[in-house]
């Protein structure tokens, strides 16, 4: 989801659309050659250097969460907004590249996955036009999903990105972000070789863990979530943060019920995903 911004930033002096900032030095923004040949270039000024010598080893999928595609594109290219993504995918499958892949786009915000806390520096961000939960989370059109799949396949091949490093915005920022949401067809992407997935375990009765509980079973749940990559506390207490992480996991991998309660279906699906990882410790 496109980050909101403090309206006070609108009072800052800003350059016109064709400019970017590199430290304190304004540089004219030039059109660049697309990394993905089916994309049309539409430059955004909002990007910088990737930090610590990082290169892309992850893909982060978002929904725009705005009423219109035109509004989303304008925000992603507004120097005052200070947000961007590498790509924007429209409902009809058209793709714009806003930022060169070598550059650090500003799409992830605060978040963590495994040991990475600067996801902007190690990921390529793809914004998918959809009004999001505030707009009733309509289905993603087939043409749009086909375009996302083709784009992810191309990026993954060029950067050797592993399937388990194709992430949802909600994965890295549980409780803060919900995109691309429980209606996003991760199973369809997986069938085409994009992303990590197992069939969710059926929802049934049995033992479950819920907010307020504490002890070894909660510790084990938190350890499993952390092992997979989620930024989960390791306290042994099923607190609000743990509940948010469980809900984020469900939204991605068990979308039939997103309630933050770790029932048998949730725990079994998590276990199966860990077992299916090419390298659980990687």
Foldseek 3Di string as FASTA:
>chain_A
DWDFDDPVLVPDDDDDLQWADAPPDIDGHDFDQAPDNQAAEDAARQWYAQPPPAAAQAAEEFEQQAPDPVVSVCLQRDNSNNAHFQWEAELQGHIYGHDHRRIQGHHQPAFWWQHDGRQSNHYGYYYYYFNAVVVVLDARHPSRVVNVLVVQVSVCVVNVHAQLRYYYSCQGPFPPDQPPWLNDPPVVSVVSPHHFADQFDDDDDDDWADAAAFDDVQLVVQVLSVLSTGPGDNDRHCHPRQLRNLLSQCGPHVSVDRGSIGGPRSVVRSVVRCVPDPDSND
